[in-house]
Amino acid sequence: MAPMVHGLEAEYSGKVKFSYLDADDPNTDSFQRTLGFAYQPELYLLDGDGNVLMKFIGFYIRRSIKKHL
């Protein structure tokens, strides 16, 4: 999914902030628990305050994610 997400990042540059979480980094354990991370890949759509608006688990096609941006 990385190429698709990077494509969305380029398309929505300046409109949507994309951040990436290294699930294998123990320094992110607390954040992973806060999000409820359990499976790779997972994408989260957060509002400006960090609240989860949408959680995508597994593989999605571009238009399925795009309609929520």
Protein backbone atom coordinates (compact mmCIF):
# COMPACT_ATOMS: atom_id res chain seq x y z
CA MET A 1 0.00 0.00 0.00
CA ALA A 2 2.96 2.34 0.43
CA PRO A 3 3.09 3.45 -3.24
CA MET A 4 -0.62 4.25 -3.20
CA VAL A 5 -0.36 6.20 0.06
CA HIS A 6 2.69 8.11 -1.20
CA GLY A 7 0.69 8.98 -4.33
CA LEU A 8 -2.14 10.35 -2.19
CA GLU A 9 0.40 12.28 -0.14
CA ALA A 10 1.71 13.94 -3.30
CA GLU A 11 -1.81 14.66 -4.57
CA TYR A 12 -2.99 16.20 -1.28
CA SER A 13 0.24 18.04 -0.45
CA GLY A 14 -0.55 21.13 1.63
CA LYS A 15 -4.10 19.93 2.30
CA VAL A 16 -3.61 16.74 4.31
CA LYS A 17 -0.67 15.96 6.58
CA PHE A 18 0.67 12.42 6.22
CA SER A 19 2.69 10.85 9.03
CA TYR A 20 4.17 7.38 9.16
CA LEU A 21 4.48 5.12 12.19
CA ASP A 22 7.15 2.43 12.39
CA ALA A 23 5.25 -0.43 14.02
CA ASP A 24 8.53 -2.20 14.80
CA ASP A 25 9.93 0.75 16.76
CA PRO A 26 9.39 0.17 20.50
CA ASN A 27 9.32 3.95 20.99
CA THR A 28 5.93 4.00 19.26
CA ASP A 29 4.31 1.33 21.49
CA SER A 30 2.33 3.88 23.52
CA PHE A 31 0.97 5.58 20.41
CA GLN A 32 0.12 2.20 18.86
CA ARG A 33 -1.88 1.28 21.95
CA THR A 34 -3.67 4.64 21.87
CA LEU A 35 -4.69 4.04 18.25
CA GLY A 36 -5.60 0.42 18.83
CA PHE A 37 -3.04 -0.75 16.27
CA ALA A 38 -3.19 -4.50 15.72
CA TYR A 39 -2.57 -5.34 12.07
CA GLN A 40 -0.39 -4.21 9.17
CA PRO A 41 -1.28 -2.33 7.10
CA GLU A 42 -3.46 0.11 8.98
CA LEU A 43 -4.24 3.68 7.99
CA TYR A 44 -5.81 6.23 10.29
CA LEU A 45 -7.55 9.43 9.33
CA LEU A 46 -7.21 11.88 12.22
CA ASP A 47 -8.69 15.30 12.74
CA GLY A 48 -6.57 18.31 13.71
CA ASP A 49 -6.79 17.35 17.39
CA GLY A 50 -5.58 13.78 16.82
CA ASN A 51 -8.98 12.10 17.14
CA VAL A 52 -9.46 9.04 14.94
CA LEU A 53 -12.12 9.76 12.31
CA MET A 54 -11.61 6.62 10.24
CA LYS A 55 -9.51 3.49 10.53
CA PHE A 56 -8.62 1.39 7.49
CA ILE A 57 -7.45 -2.15 8.26
CA GLY A 58 -5.90 -4.24 5.52
CA PHE A 59 -5.50 -3.34 1.87
CA TYR A 60 -7.74 -0.72 0.27
CA ILE A 61 -7.93 0.67 -3.20
CA ARG A 62 -7.11 4.31 -3.74
CA ARG A 63 -10.64 5.55 -4.39
CA SER A 64 -11.92 3.96 -1.15
CA ILE A 65 -9.48 6.03 0.88
CA LYS A 66 -9.71 9.11 -1.31
CA LYS A 67 -13.45 9.56 -0.74
CA HIS A 68 -12.72 10.18 2.98
CA LEU A 69 -10.00 12.81 2.47
